[in-house]
Amino acid sequence: MLVIGNNSTQKHKVPFLLVLASQKAFLLMVSWK
């Protein structure tokens, strides 16, 4: 994973990607049931 930008943008970008990925995984788990 490439990190582009300074530390301030990195700190905001990483949690956003984690939340987005967790939401997609949650939706997949719900849809599979």
Protein backbone atom coordinates (compact mmCIF):
# COMPACT_ATOMS: atom_id res chain seq x y z
CA MET A 1 0.00 0.00 0.00
CA LEU A 2 1.50 3.29 -1.10
CA VAL A 3 1.32 6.22 1.28
CA ILE A 4 1.16 9.59 -0.44
CA GLY A 5 1.15 12.88 1.46
CA ASN A 6 2.33 14.05 4.86
CA ASN A 7 1.49 12.51 8.24
CA SER A 8 -1.66 14.61 8.68
CA THR A 9 -3.28 13.26 5.52
CA GLN A 10 -2.09 9.74 6.31
CA LYS A 11 -3.71 9.78 9.77
CA HIS A 12 -7.05 10.81 8.25
CA LYS A 13 -6.87 8.51 5.22
CA VAL A 14 -6.01 5.22 6.96
CA PRO A 15 -8.95 5.20 9.45
CA PHE A 16 -11.31 6.13 6.61
CA LEU A 17 -10.15 3.14 4.54
CA LEU A 18 -10.48 0.86 7.56
CA VAL A 19 -14.04 2.02 8.22
CA LEU A 20 -14.93 1.68 4.55
CA ALA A 21 -13.51 -1.85 4.39
CA SER A 22 -15.23 -2.88 7.64
CA GLN A 23 -18.57 -1.58 6.37
CA LYS A 24 -18.21 -3.54 3.11
CA ALA A 25 -17.26 -6.70 5.03
CA PHE A 26 -20.25 -6.21 7.35
CA LEU A 27 -22.62 -5.79 4.39
CA LEU A 28 -21.20 -8.95 2.81
CA MET A 29 -21.73 -10.92 6.03
CA VAL A 30 -25.32 -9.67 6.31
CA SER A 31 -26.10 -10.41 2.66
CA TRP A 32 -24.69 -13.95 2.92
CA LYS A 33 -27.10 -14.89 5.72
